Protein backbone atom coordinates (compact mmCIF):
# COMPACT_ATOMS: atom_id res chain seq x y z
CA MET A 1 -42.48 151.38 115.05
CA THR A 2 -40.11 148.75 116.50
CA PRO A 3 -39.90 145.49 114.53
CA THR A 4 -41.83 142.72 116.27
CA ARG A 5 -40.21 139.29 116.94
CA ILE A 6 -42.62 136.39 116.99
CA SER A 7 -41.69 133.25 118.97
CA VAL A 8 -41.69 130.06 116.95
CA PRO A 9 -41.34 126.40 117.91
CA ALA A 10 -37.85 124.89 118.21
CA GLY A 11 -36.30 124.02 114.87
CA ALA A 12 -38.33 126.62 112.98
CA THR A 13 -36.94 129.78 111.43
CA ALA A 14 -37.54 133.06 113.25
CA VAL A 15 -39.55 135.70 111.38
CA VAL A 16 -39.25 139.47 111.88
CA VAL A 17 -42.20 141.55 110.73
CA ASP A 18 -41.73 145.29 110.19
CA PHE A 19 -45.20 146.86 109.87
CA GLU A 20 -43.68 150.17 108.70
CA THR A 21 -42.02 148.75 105.66
CA LEU A 22 -44.62 146.28 104.46
CA PRO A 23 -45.60 147.20 100.87
CA VAL A 24 -49.10 148.65 100.64
CA SER A 25 -51.15 148.12 97.46
CA PRO A 26 -52.55 151.39 96.01
CA PRO A 27 -56.36 151.71 96.01
CA VAL A 28 -58.00 150.42 92.87
CA THR A 29 -59.82 153.20 90.92
CA PRO A 30 -62.62 151.89 88.69
CA PRO A 31 -62.23 152.98 85.05
CA SER A 32 -64.33 156.00 84.01
CA PRO A 33 -67.24 155.15 81.73
CA PRO A 34 -66.61 156.31 78.18
CA ALA A 35 -68.27 159.59 77.21
CA PRO A 36 -71.38 159.04 75.10
CA ALA A 37 -70.61 159.16 71.41
CA GLU A 38 -72.56 161.41 69.08
CA SER A 39 -75.37 159.50 67.46
CA ALA A 40 -74.83 158.32 63.93
CA ILE A 41 -76.09 160.45 61.11
CA GLY A 42 -79.41 159.09 59.94
CA THR A 43 -80.53 157.97 63.41
CA THR A 44 -84.31 158.36 63.51
CA LEU A 45 -86.65 158.73 66.46
CA ALA A 46 -90.32 157.91 66.03
CA VAL A 47 -93.07 158.61 68.56
CA ASN A 48 -92.97 155.92 71.25
CA THR A 49 -95.02 156.78 74.31
CA ALA A 50 -93.84 153.74 76.28
CA ALA A 51 -90.07 154.17 75.93
CA PRO A 52 -88.90 157.27 74.02
CA ALA A 53 -85.62 156.63 72.21
CA LYS A 54 -82.66 158.99 72.46
CA ILE A 55 -80.28 160.86 70.20
CA ILE A 56 -76.93 162.17 71.49
CA GLY A 57 -76.09 165.45 69.79
CA GLN A 58 -72.68 166.85 68.98
CA ASP A 59 -72.95 168.83 72.25
CA LEU A 60 -73.38 165.42 73.97
CA ALA A 61 -76.80 166.49 75.19
CA THR A 62 -79.59 163.93 75.10
CA TYR A 63 -82.49 164.57 72.73
CA THR A 64 -85.82 162.75 72.82
CA LEU A 65 -89.12 162.93 70.96
CA ALA A 66 -91.91 163.17 73.49
CA ARG A 67 -95.28 164.74 74.23
CA ARG A 68 -95.20 168.33 75.42
CA PRO A 69 -96.14 168.71 79.12
CA ASN A 70 -99.77 169.81 79.53
CA ALA A 71 -100.32 169.46 75.79
CA ALA A 72 -103.81 170.29 74.61
CA SER A 73 -103.62 167.53 72.02
CA SER A 74 -102.58 163.93 72.54
CA ALA A 75 -100.61 164.22 69.28
CA ASP A 76 -98.62 167.30 70.28
CA TYR A 77 -95.07 165.91 70.15
CA GLY A 78 -91.82 167.83 69.96
CA LEU A 79 -88.08 167.60 70.43
CA PHE A 80 -86.69 167.75 73.99
CA ARG A 81 -83.10 168.39 75.12
CA ASP A 82 -82.33 167.32 78.68
CA GLY A 83 -86.01 167.82 79.52
CA ALA A 84 -86.31 171.28 77.95
CA TYR A 85 -88.91 171.54 75.19
CA LEU A 86 -87.73 172.90 71.84
CA THR A 87 -90.50 174.58 69.83
CA GLY A 88 -92.48 172.46 67.43
CA ALA A 89 -95.69 170.47 67.51
CA ASP A 90 -97.37 167.48 65.88
CA VAL A 91 -93.94 165.96 65.21
CA THR A 92 -94.07 162.28 64.25
CA ALA A 93 -90.37 161.55 63.66
CA VAL A 94 -86.96 163.19 64.08
CA THR A 95 -83.88 162.22 62.05
CA TYR A 96 -80.41 163.30 63.19
CA GLU A 97 -78.35 164.90 60.41
CA GLY A 98 -75.24 165.55 62.49
CA ASN A 99 -73.79 168.78 63.90
CA ASN A 100 -76.85 169.24 66.16
CA THR A 101 -79.11 169.44 63.13
CA PHE A 102 -82.40 167.55 63.16
CA ARG A 103 -85.00 166.92 60.47
CA GLU A 104 -88.55 166.85 61.88
CA THR A 105 -91.50 165.31 60.10
CA THR A 106 -94.85 166.79 61.12
CA THR A 107 -98.46 165.90 60.53
CA ARG A 108 -99.20 169.44 59.40
CA HIS A 109 -96.75 170.88 56.94
CA GLY A 110 -94.16 168.30 55.97
CA ALA A 111 -90.51 168.38 57.00
CA TRP A 112 -88.61 171.00 59.01
CA ARG A 113 -84.91 171.30 59.84
CA LYS A 114 -83.99 172.36 63.39
CA VAL A 115 -80.44 173.55 64.13
CA VAL A 116 -79.68 173.74 67.84
CA SER A 117 -76.89 175.90 69.28
CA GLY A 118 -76.60 176.24 73.03
CA ALA A 119 -79.85 177.63 74.35
CA SER A 120 -81.13 178.79 70.96
CA TRP A 121 -82.44 177.06 67.86
CA VAL A 122 -83.49 177.93 64.35
CA THR A 123 -86.21 176.06 62.46
CA THR A 124 -86.56 176.23 58.68
CA PHE A 125 -88.82 174.49 56.20
CA VAL A 126 -87.22 171.68 54.21
CA PRO A 127 -88.38 172.18 50.60
CA PRO A 128 -89.42 169.18 48.51
CA VAL A 129 -86.67 167.27 46.72
CA SER A 130 -87.90 168.66 43.43
CA PRO A 131 -87.44 172.44 43.21
CA THR A 132 -90.42 172.68 40.90
CA PRO A 133 -93.70 173.04 42.81
CA SER A 134 -96.49 170.68 42.00
CA PRO A 135 -99.24 172.14 39.81
CA ARG A 136 -102.37 173.22 41.62
CA SER A 137 -104.64 170.25 42.15
CA PRO A 138 -107.47 170.84 44.64
CA PRO A 139 -108.18 167.80 46.85
CA ASN A 140 -111.59 167.47 45.21
CA PRO A 141 -112.70 168.38 41.67
CA THR A 142 -114.38 171.77 41.47
CA THR A 143 -118.11 172.02 40.88
CA PRO A 144 -120.13 174.74 39.12
CA PRO A 145 -121.54 177.63 41.19
CA PRO A 146 -124.79 176.79 43.02
CA VAL A 147 -127.84 177.20 40.84
CA GLY A 148 -129.31 180.67 41.17
CA ALA A 149 -126.20 182.31 42.66
CA PRO A 150 -125.45 185.69 41.01
CA ASP A 151 -122.12 185.96 39.19
CA ALA A 152 -121.18 189.02 41.31
CA VAL A 153 -122.66 191.53 43.77
CA ASP A 154 -122.68 195.29 44.27
CA PRO A 155 -120.25 195.88 47.18
CA THR A 156 -122.07 199.08 48.21
CA VAL A 157 -125.32 197.20 48.94
CA ILE A 158 -125.61 195.09 52.09
CA PRO A 159 -128.41 192.52 51.73
CA PRO A 160 -131.15 192.13 54.34
CA LEU A 161 -130.39 190.02 57.38
CA PRO A 162 -131.25 186.33 57.14
CA ALA A 163 -134.71 185.54 58.47
CA GLY A 164 -134.77 185.12 62.23
CA TYR A 165 -131.39 186.79 62.80
CA VAL A 166 -130.26 190.02 64.49
CA GLN A 167 -127.01 191.83 63.69
CA THR A 168 -124.17 191.50 66.23
CA PHE A 169 -121.18 192.84 64.24
CA LEU A 170 -120.71 195.11 61.21
CA ASP A 171 -117.69 196.82 59.71
CA GLU A 172 -117.96 198.77 56.43
CA PHE A 173 -114.33 199.99 56.64
CA SER A 174 -115.15 203.69 56.56
CA GLY A 175 -112.53 206.29 57.44
CA ASN A 176 -108.83 205.90 56.80
CA ALA A 177 -107.68 203.39 59.43
CA LEU A 178 -108.54 199.92 60.67
CA ASP A 179 -111.07 199.99 63.52
CA ALA A 180 -108.89 198.85 66.43
CA SER A 181 -111.94 198.18 68.58
CA LYS A 182 -112.91 195.36 66.20
CA TRP A 183 -109.72 194.08 64.54
CA THR A 184 -106.02 193.47 65.10
CA ALA A 185 -103.59 193.45 62.19
CA ASN A 186 -101.77 190.13 61.99
CA THR A 187 -97.97 190.32 61.99
CA MET A 188 -97.08 186.60 61.70
CA THR A 189 -93.38 187.34 62.12
CA GLY A 190 -90.77 185.63 64.26
CA PRO A 191 -92.14 182.68 66.24
CA ASP A 192 -95.67 183.44 64.96
CA SER A 193 -94.71 183.29 61.30
CA TYR A 194 -96.08 180.78 58.82
CA GLY A 195 -93.41 178.10 58.89
CA ASP A 196 -90.94 180.70 60.23
CA ARG A 197 -91.60 182.81 57.13
CA PRO A 198 -92.97 186.32 57.68
CA ILE A 199 -95.97 186.50 55.36
CA PHE A 200 -98.01 189.36 56.89
CA ASP A 201 -97.17 192.93 57.79
CA PRO A 202 -99.52 195.62 59.15
CA SER A 203 -98.29 198.03 56.46
CA ASN A 204 -100.20 195.89 53.96
CA VAL A 205 -103.52 196.49 55.77
CA VAL A 206 -104.87 199.73 54.30
CA VAL A 207 -108.31 201.35 54.73
CA ARG A 208 -109.28 203.90 52.08
CA ASN A 209 -112.30 204.87 49.99
CA GLY A 210 -114.66 202.70 52.02
CA LEU A 211 -112.69 199.50 51.43
CA LEU A 212 -110.14 197.43 53.30
CA HIS A 213 -107.15 196.69 51.04
CA PHE A 214 -104.65 193.86 51.44
CA THR A 215 -101.64 195.03 49.44
CA VAL A 216 -98.38 193.18 48.71
CA ASP A 217 -94.75 194.05 49.31
CA ARG A 218 -91.47 192.15 49.20
CA VAL A 219 -88.75 191.82 51.81
CA GLY A 220 -85.73 190.10 50.32
CA ASP A 221 -87.15 187.13 48.43
CA ARG A 222 -90.30 187.01 50.57
CA ALA A 223 -93.60 188.36 49.23
CA ARG A 224 -95.87 189.51 52.07
CA SER A 225 -99.45 190.68 52.36
CA GLY A 226 -101.89 191.50 55.15
CA GLY A 227 -104.32 189.88 57.53
CA ILE A 228 -106.64 190.82 60.40
CA PHE A 229 -108.44 188.96 63.18
CA THR A 230 -110.98 189.66 65.92
CA LYS A 231 -109.77 187.54 68.85
CA GLU A 232 -110.21 189.21 72.26
CA LYS A 233 -112.39 191.85 70.52
CA PHE A 234 -115.26 189.86 69.02
CA THR A 235 -116.17 186.19 69.24
CA GLN A 236 -119.50 184.41 68.84
CA ARG A 237 -120.93 180.94 69.34
CA PHE A 238 -123.05 179.98 66.32
CA GLY A 239 -124.45 182.48 63.85
CA PHE A 240 -124.27 183.82 60.31
CA PHE A 241 -120.83 185.12 59.24
CA GLU A 242 -120.52 187.07 55.96
CA ALA A 243 -117.82 189.00 54.10
CA CYS A 244 -118.04 190.80 50.76
CA TYR A 245 -114.68 190.93 48.98
CA SER A 246 -112.68 190.52 45.79
CA TYR A 247 -109.54 188.43 45.40
CA GLY A 248 -106.18 190.11 45.02
CA SER A 249 -105.40 188.43 41.70
CA ALA A 250 -106.38 185.51 39.50
CA SER A 251 -103.09 183.75 40.26
CA ASP A 252 -102.47 180.43 41.93
CA GLY A 253 -100.79 180.89 45.29
CA ASP A 254 -102.80 184.06 46.06
CA PHE A 255 -105.34 182.98 48.69
CA ALA A 256 -108.22 185.17 49.88
CA SER A 257 -109.02 183.50 53.19
CA PHE A 258 -112.02 184.03 55.50
CA TRP A 259 -112.21 181.53 58.36
CA LEU A 260 -113.22 180.85 61.97
CA THR A 261 -111.22 179.42 64.86
CA PRO A 262 -112.10 179.12 68.57
CA TRP A 263 -111.07 181.84 70.99
CA PRO A 264 -109.95 181.13 73.59
CA ASN A 265 -108.46 178.08 71.94
CA LEU A 266 -108.19 175.18 74.38
CA ARG A 267 -107.22 172.51 71.83
CA SER A 268 -104.53 172.26 69.19
CA TRP A 269 -105.07 171.96 65.45
CA PRO A 270 -106.97 170.15 64.02
CA ASP A 271 -108.88 169.16 67.16
CA PHE A 272 -110.39 172.63 67.62
CA GLY A 273 -112.29 172.32 64.34
CA GLU A 274 -111.26 174.93 61.79
CA ILE A 275 -114.07 176.32 59.61
CA ASP A 276 -112.86 177.81 56.32
CA ILE A 277 -115.67 179.95 54.94
CA ASN A 278 -113.57 180.47 51.82
CA GLU A 279 -109.92 179.68 51.21
CA GLY A 280 -110.08 180.38 47.51
CA SER A 281 -107.51 181.29 44.90
CA SER A 282 -107.51 181.73 41.14
CA GLY A 283 -111.15 181.23 40.07
CA THR A 284 -112.19 178.91 42.89
CA MET A 285 -114.11 179.16 46.17
CA LEU A 286 -112.84 176.50 48.59
CA THR A 287 -115.00 175.66 51.62
CA SER A 288 -113.45 173.40 54.25
CA ILE A 289 -113.55 171.96 57.72
CA HIS A 290 -110.54 170.49 59.50
CA GLN A 291 -110.84 167.96 62.30
CA ARG A 292 -108.68 165.06 63.43
CA ASP A 293 -109.47 161.69 61.83
CA LEU A 294 -112.38 163.04 59.86
CA ASN A 295 -111.50 160.57 57.09
CA PRO A 296 -109.86 157.55 58.79
CA GLN A 297 -109.61 155.72 55.49
CA TYR A 298 -106.46 157.77 54.82
CA PRO A 299 -103.21 156.96 56.69
CA ALA A 300 -101.94 159.16 59.53
CA GLY A 301 -99.91 162.04 58.11
CA ASP A 302 -101.98 162.23 54.93
CA GLY A 303 -103.53 165.73 54.79
CA ARG A 304 -106.82 164.31 53.57
CA ARG A 305 -107.34 162.47 56.86
CA ASN A 306 -108.24 165.68 58.72
CA LEU A 307 -109.99 167.54 55.91
CA SER A 308 -113.37 167.79 54.24
CA ASN A 309 -113.75 170.39 51.53
CA LYS A 310 -115.47 171.40 48.34
CA GLY A 311 -114.12 173.46 45.46
CA THR A 312 -116.59 175.67 43.58
CA ARG A 313 -115.76 177.44 40.32
CA LEU A 314 -116.72 181.12 40.32
CA ALA A 315 -118.55 182.37 37.25
CA ALA A 316 -116.59 185.63 36.94
CA ASP A 317 -112.95 186.51 37.67
CA PRO A 318 -113.07 187.05 41.47
CA SER A 319 -110.22 189.58 41.30
CA LYS A 320 -112.39 191.85 39.15
CA VAL A 321 -115.78 191.48 40.91
CA PHE A 322 -117.11 191.19 44.45
CA ASN A 323 -118.78 188.13 45.96
CA VAL A 324 -120.36 187.50 49.36
CA PHE A 325 -118.89 184.44 51.06
CA ALA A 326 -120.84 183.25 54.09
CA VAL A 327 -121.35 180.41 56.52
CA GLU A 328 -124.28 179.62 58.78
CA TRP A 329 -123.05 177.70 61.83
CA THR A 330 -125.68 176.15 64.10
CA PRO A 331 -125.75 173.32 66.68
CA ASP A 332 -127.24 171.05 64.02
CA TYR A 333 -125.52 171.97 60.75
CA ILE A 334 -122.95 174.12 59.00
CA ARG A 335 -123.74 175.41 55.53
CA TRP A 336 -121.78 177.58 53.14
CA LEU A 337 -123.31 180.20 50.82
CA LEU A 338 -122.13 182.08 47.75
CA ASN A 339 -123.99 185.34 47.11
CA GLY A 340 -126.86 184.17 49.30
CA VAL A 341 -127.25 180.69 47.75
CA GLU A 342 -126.27 177.50 49.59
CA GLY A 343 -123.47 175.56 47.92
CA ASP A 344 -122.27 173.11 50.60
CA ARG A 345 -123.57 171.68 53.87
CA GLN A 346 -122.62 169.35 56.75
CA ASP A 347 -125.37 168.08 59.06
CA ARG A 348 -125.16 166.88 62.65
CA GLY A 349 -124.17 163.23 62.85
CA ALA A 350 -122.09 163.38 59.69
CA GLY A 351 -118.35 163.45 60.29
CA PHE A 352 -117.29 166.22 62.65
CA PHE A 353 -120.61 166.63 64.47
CA ALA A 354 -120.44 163.00 65.54
CA LYS A 355 -117.14 163.47 67.41
CA TYR A 356 -116.69 167.03 68.67
CA PRO A 357 -118.99 169.58 70.30
CA TRP A 358 -118.01 172.51 68.07
CA VAL A 359 -119.44 174.94 70.60
CA GLU A 360 -116.51 177.20 71.53
CA PRO A 361 -117.03 180.87 70.61
CA ARG A 362 -115.07 181.68 67.45
CA GLN A 363 -113.08 184.61 66.16
CA MET A 364 -112.97 185.74 62.52
CA LEU A 365 -109.82 185.89 60.43
CA LEU A 366 -109.50 187.65 57.07
CA GLN A 367 -106.14 187.12 55.41
CA ARG A 368 -104.44 187.18 52.05
CA PHE A 369 -101.90 184.37 51.90
CA ILE A 370 -99.19 184.73 49.25
CA LEU A 371 -97.62 181.30 48.76
CA GLN A 372 -94.24 180.85 47.10
CA ALA A 373 -92.53 177.68 45.90
CA GLY A 374 -91.62 175.50 48.87
CA ASP A 375 -94.12 177.10 51.25
CA PRO A 376 -96.37 174.77 53.27
CA GLY A 377 -99.50 174.33 51.17
CA SER A 378 -97.91 175.21 47.84
CA ASP A 379 -97.74 171.54 46.93
CA TRP A 380 -101.53 171.48 46.49
CA GLY A 381 -102.47 175.17 46.33
CA GLY A 382 -99.87 176.29 43.84
CA SER A 383 -97.43 179.18 44.17
CA ILE A 384 -97.27 182.66 42.69
CA PRO A 385 -95.43 182.92 39.35
CA ALA A 386 -92.18 184.82 38.86
CA ASN A 387 -94.08 187.67 37.16
CA PHE A 388 -96.66 188.00 39.96
CA ASP A 389 -98.29 191.45 39.98
CA MET A 390 -96.96 193.07 43.16
CA SER A 391 -99.36 195.99 42.71
CA SER A 392 -102.44 193.76 43.01
CA THR A 393 -104.85 194.42 45.89
CA ALA A 394 -107.53 192.33 47.59
CA LYS A 395 -110.51 194.51 48.57
CA ILE A 396 -112.99 193.87 51.39
CA ALA A 397 -116.20 195.95 51.31
CA TRP A 398 -117.90 194.80 54.52
CA VAL A 399 -118.06 192.09 57.16
CA ARG A 400 -121.23 191.27 59.07
CA VAL A 401 -122.20 188.76 61.76
CA SER A 402 -125.70 188.01 62.99
CA GLN A 403 -127.24 185.66 65.50
CA LYS A 404 -130.57 183.84 65.78
CA VAL A 405 -133.13 185.60 67.91
């Protein structure tokens, strides 16, 4: 380009402008925003439906505590990473411990530690600060057996049906294998385990000599037993549910459980209304119902808020004799029986009947829980001792269900 001469008035100085050589300022680049820093150790998220807070992990991903999409329960909260849900439920708070490790506090079973790595994660139970488990202390004092209830029953004799009822299910555990048309052996391993602890194995479900046996084995430091359930094979709305069995041992931490849950289950725990026909251990029969806010006088997170139960002392060692544990579930009441005699009852309008329909068909579950120190529930139910008898066996003689005509 040729320099351009600009005419100026007389007496002024001429100016030559060369547009090729004029200095050009470089474009201004805005500074890059600093990368988000990893959140401080001890940062805690609590449930906040209006504006969920955030934690930045060591991987610089964003973590939030929010309700699971399409959750069955309004209290079903879990940890999210960049919108992807990480397993967990009923989480009320998450504390960041650094190195992509999070401590979750749940409404169900205390605290859990979640370690996230890429697309995978591992969740483990966080044991209490004290390594010594609390002694067994049932939520309510135990009461004597109901007046007139026999101390034990003959497992080879099935009593007459309750008046006005017809039989809809019966298993006397004949032959040498579990009847697969009626039951499924519970595995409870992997993601279905109890607090990520494998506590059941089908090898511990044994049928022989006219009895179902729940045996015990050990894998590493984990004692396991057996359990069975009827979902997808037998469910019933209302009726009389009975099982004749003996406990595996007289030890704390060894639970002989017979209970009902809805199937299909359209609500999360405890909204679906769990009915424990007997969740007994040692010398006690424990009858329970679980339902959200059953006892609002207790604060959220306190296990007693969602629980109503009654502990009954058994007259004879239940690991040496058989008893019949039963529940009659109707639209107007639920009552529990020991050897044919009523020991506990909830009527319509009291507690759970006032809030939930309790009409979903229910499956049966028969399980032998073996709790060890640090397991969810061992803080109130006790744990097996170091010298626990691994040869002990829980024996089930028969299970029967009937329905009103």
